[in-house]
């Protein structure tokens, strides 16, 4: 979809771990895994794979438009938190954005992110909660060290994340468990071996058979 193309332009700037170390890009390293890179480039590259790959290969399952299995699972995580946009949202499911006065776990307040964008972001949230990107800490999204009340990802005992709650920072196995328990539909989609969704965190070192 056209909405995805504008979000993938940064993917050309991807660095491997060794390149980043040489460039001094320590701010791109995962907060809790300094040997790994956790930054927006990985996310934008993943959007390319999902929006122009999985969505077309398995439209009934991974299409980012309303009616697919992916968007049905997403709506379950949004719940009563509603939408901060009307673009692409079917009128019969639209609810006004209610965060933080709601119980849903996915609540993206960016009004420029229409329905298909929300689904694209949701797909990435699922995988990033499973593969370590969120558990090991996105340095570019880490504001909590300066502002503990401003968590964007992964709620904890003290604060509620403003965008995506279904992950656990600092512990990958706990993050995967939280994802499976709180979003079993989404977890089932990405873990189904039929679709071969990439669940291994890229590290810049590839040794294909």
Protein backbone atom coordinates (compact mmCIF):
# COMPACT_ATOMS: atom_id res chain seq x y z
CA UNK A 1 0.00 0.00 0.00
CA UNK A 2 1.04 3.57 -0.69
CA UNK A 3 1.09 4.36 3.03
CA UNK A 4 3.97 1.93 3.51
CA UNK A 5 6.22 3.34 0.79
CA UNK A 6 6.85 6.61 2.54
CA UNK A 7 7.82 4.85 5.74
CA UNK A 8 10.50 2.61 4.24
CA UNK A 9 12.82 5.18 2.71
CA UNK A 10 15.16 5.15 5.70
CA UNK A 11 15.83 1.43 5.26
CA UNK A 12 18.70 2.17 2.87
CA UNK A 13 20.73 3.44 5.80
CA UNK A 14 20.87 0.11 7.66
CA UNK A 15 24.16 -0.68 9.44
CA UNK A 16 25.48 -3.94 10.75
CA UNK A 17 26.64 -4.21 14.35
CA UNK A 18 30.30 -4.06 13.34
CA UNK A 19 29.74 -1.06 11.04
CA UNK A 20 27.86 0.79 13.75
CA UNK A 21 30.61 0.12 16.24
CA UNK A 22 33.15 1.52 13.80
CA UNK A 23 30.98 4.57 13.18
CA UNK A 24 30.53 5.17 16.88
CA UNK A 25 26.76 4.66 16.71
CA UNK A 26 26.47 3.40 20.25
CA UNK A 27 23.15 5.19 20.61
CA UNK A 28 21.68 2.68 18.15
CA UNK A 29 22.61 -0.34 20.24
CA UNK A 30 20.00 -2.20 22.25
CA UNK A 31 19.89 -0.83 25.78
CA UNK A 32 20.24 -4.27 27.39
CA UNK A 33 22.20 -5.99 24.59
CA UNK A 34 25.07 -3.82 23.47
CA UNK A 35 26.11 -6.39 20.86
CA UNK A 36 22.83 -5.87 18.99
CA UNK A 37 21.31 -2.96 17.09
CA UNK A 38 17.79 -1.82 18.00
CA UNK A 39 16.77 1.21 15.96
CA UNK A 40 14.16 2.58 13.59
CA UNK A 41 15.94 1.25 10.50
CA UNK A 42 15.07 -2.32 11.50
CA UNK A 43 11.45 -1.32 11.92
CA UNK A 44 11.21 0.49 8.58
CA UNK A 45 12.84 -2.41 6.78
CA UNK A 46 10.40 -4.78 8.41
CA UNK A 47 7.48 -2.64 7.24
CA UNK A 48 8.72 -3.18 3.69
CA UNK A 49 8.75 -6.95 4.15
CA UNK A 50 5.28 -7.06 5.67
CA UNK A 51 3.38 -4.46 3.64
CA UNK A 52 4.73 -5.43 0.22
CA UNK A 53 5.43 -9.08 0.99
CA UNK A 54 3.26 -10.83 3.56
CA UNK A 55 0.21 -8.67 2.87
CA UNK A 56 0.24 -9.73 -0.78
CA UNK A 57 1.33 -13.33 -0.28
CA UNK A 58 -1.37 -13.97 2.35
CA UNK A 59 -4.02 -11.25 1.89
CA UNK A 60 -6.67 -12.97 3.99
CA UNK A 61 -4.20 -13.29 6.84
CA UNK A 62 -1.84 -10.31 6.73
CA UNK A 63 -3.54 -7.61 4.66
CA UNK A 64 -3.36 -4.28 6.50
CA UNK A 65 -6.86 -3.40 5.35
CA UNK A 66 -9.90 -4.11 7.47
CA UNK A 67 -11.11 -7.71 7.41
CA UNK A 68 -7.88 -9.70 7.54
CA UNK A 69 -6.87 -11.92 10.44
CA UNK A 70 -4.14 -9.41 11.27
CA UNK A 71 -6.51 -6.47 11.60
CA UNK A 72 -9.03 -8.56 13.53
CA UNK A 73 -6.34 -9.40 16.07
CA UNK A 74 -5.29 -5.75 16.16
CA UNK A 75 -8.80 -4.59 16.96
CA UNK A 76 -8.79 -6.91 19.95
CA UNK A 77 -5.73 -5.17 21.35
CA UNK A 78 -7.12 -1.69 20.65
CA UNK A 79 -10.33 -2.59 22.43
CA UNK A 80 -12.08 0.38 24.00
CA UNK A 81 -9.12 2.72 23.43
CA UNK A 82 -10.46 3.69 20.01
CA UNK A 83 -8.79 5.56 17.16
CA UNK A 84 -7.22 8.99 16.85
CA UNK A 85 -8.11 9.01 13.16
CA UNK A 86 -11.15 8.26 11.01
CA UNK A 87 -9.12 7.58 7.84
CA UNK A 88 -9.69 4.01 6.70
CA UNK A 89 -11.60 3.10 9.85
CA UNK A 90 -15.01 1.55 9.04
CA UNK A 91 -17.71 3.72 10.61
CA UNK A 92 -19.32 0.78 12.38
CA UNK A 93 -16.16 0.08 14.42
CA UNK A 94 -14.97 3.64 15.00
CA UNK A 95 -14.61 4.80 18.59
CA UNK A 96 -13.06 8.07 19.67
CA UNK A 97 -9.54 7.84 21.05
CA UNK A 98 -9.86 7.30 24.79
CA UNK A 99 -6.34 6.62 26.08
CA UNK A 100 -5.48 6.63 28.96
CA UNK A 101 -9.07 6.16 30.06
CA UNK A 102 -9.41 2.72 28.49
CA UNK A 103 -8.29 -0.87 28.99
CA UNK A 104 -6.88 -1.69 25.54
CA UNK A 105 -3.18 -2.45 25.10
CA UNK A 106 -2.55 -0.76 21.72
CA UNK A 107 -3.26 2.95 21.57
CA UNK A 108 -1.32 4.96 19.01
CA UNK A 109 -2.19 8.63 19.33
CA UNK A 110 -0.64 9.88 16.09
CA UNK A 111 -3.58 11.29 14.09
CA UNK A 112 -1.64 10.90 10.82
CA UNK A 113 -1.53 7.10 11.22
CA UNK A 114 -4.63 5.83 9.43
CA UNK A 115 -6.07 2.33 9.72
CA UNK A 116 -3.57 0.61 7.40
CA UNK A 117 -0.70 2.37 9.16
CA UNK A 118 -2.00 1.13 12.51
CA UNK A 119 -2.03 -2.42 11.15
CA UNK A 120 1.50 -2.05 9.79
CA UNK A 121 2.74 -0.81 13.15
CA UNK A 122 0.83 -3.58 14.93
CA UNK A 123 2.53 -6.30 12.87
CA UNK A 124 5.90 -4.89 13.84
CA UNK A 125 4.90 -4.60 17.50
CA UNK A 126 4.08 -8.30 17.52
CA UNK A 127 7.42 -9.37 16.11
CA UNK A 128 9.47 -6.83 18.10
CA UNK A 129 7.87 -8.07 21.31
CA UNK A 130 8.81 -11.62 20.35
CA UNK A 131 12.29 -11.34 18.85
CA UNK A 132 14.03 -9.18 21.46
CA UNK A 133 13.90 -5.73 19.89
CA UNK A 134 11.62 -4.42 22.63
CA UNK A 135 12.85 -6.66 25.41
CA UNK A 136 16.43 -5.59 24.80
CA UNK A 137 15.42 -1.93 24.54
CA UNK A 138 15.01 0.45 21.59
CA UNK A 139 17.57 3.14 22.40
CA UNK A 140 15.93 5.64 20.05
CA UNK A 141 12.65 5.30 21.95
CA UNK A 142 14.13 5.20 25.44
CA UNK A 143 12.85 8.34 27.14
CA UNK A 144 12.13 6.78 30.50
CA UNK A 145 15.60 7.41 31.87
CA UNK A 146 14.92 11.14 31.62
CA UNK A 147 11.16 11.00 31.98
CA UNK A 148 10.08 7.80 33.83
CA UNK A 149 6.42 8.60 33.23
CA UNK A 150 6.87 8.76 29.44
CA UNK A 151 7.05 5.12 28.40
CA UNK A 152 6.23 4.54 24.74
CA UNK A 153 6.69 0.78 24.81
CA UNK A 154 6.25 -1.97 27.40
CA UNK A 155 4.24 -1.07 30.48
CA UNK A 156 5.72 -1.89 33.87
CA UNK A 157 4.69 -1.83 37.51
CA UNK A 158 4.96 1.96 37.71
CA UNK A 159 4.05 3.32 34.29
CA UNK A 160 1.72 2.54 31.40
CA UNK A 161 3.16 2.67 27.88
CA UNK A 162 1.61 5.31 25.65
CA UNK A 163 1.60 3.21 22.47
CA UNK A 164 2.15 -0.54 22.95
CA UNK A 165 1.91 -2.33 26.29
CA UNK A 166 2.33 -6.00 25.37
CA UNK A 167 6.04 -6.55 25.94
CA UNK A 168 8.50 -6.66 28.81
CA UNK A 169 11.74 -4.72 28.77
CA UNK A 170 14.86 -6.50 29.94
CA UNK A 171 13.66 -10.11 29.72
CA UNK A 172 12.93 -11.76 26.37
CA UNK A 173 11.21 -14.88 27.70
CA UNK A 174 8.89 -12.74 29.84
CA UNK A 175 8.15 -10.49 26.86
CA UNK A 176 7.19 -13.52 24.75
CA UNK A 177 5.04 -14.87 27.57
CA UNK A 178 3.26 -11.54 28.02
CA UNK A 179 2.59 -11.39 24.27
CA UNK A 180 1.19 -14.91 24.18
CA UNK A 181 -1.05 -14.31 27.18
CA UNK A 182 -2.36 -10.85 26.31
CA UNK A 183 -2.62 -11.20 22.53
CA UNK A 184 -3.04 -14.89 21.72
CA UNK A 185 -4.47 -14.16 18.26
CA UNK A 186 -1.54 -12.01 17.22
CA UNK A 187 0.94 -14.43 18.79
CA UNK A 188 -0.66 -17.28 16.87
CA UNK A 189 -0.31 -15.44 13.56
CA UNK A 190 3.41 -14.75 13.83
CA UNK A 191 4.30 -18.13 15.36
CA UNK A 192 2.40 -20.24 12.80
CA UNK A 193 5.15 -22.13 10.92
CA UNK A 194 3.07 -22.04 7.73
CA UNK A 195 3.78 -18.34 7.23
CA UNK A 196 7.43 -18.32 8.30
CA UNK A 197 7.30 -14.85 9.80
CA UNK A 198 10.92 -13.88 10.62
CA UNK A 199 11.25 -14.04 14.39
CA UNK A 200 15.01 -14.00 14.71
CA UNK A 201 16.52 -10.62 15.52
CA UNK A 202 18.87 -9.54 12.69
CA UNK A 203 22.47 -9.00 13.79
CA UNK A 204 24.21 -8.04 10.57
CA UNK A 205 25.96 -11.42 10.27
CA UNK A 206 24.49 -13.83 7.77
CA UNK A 207 25.70 -17.34 6.96
CA UNK A 208 23.11 -18.89 4.64
CA UNK A 209 23.38 -22.64 3.99
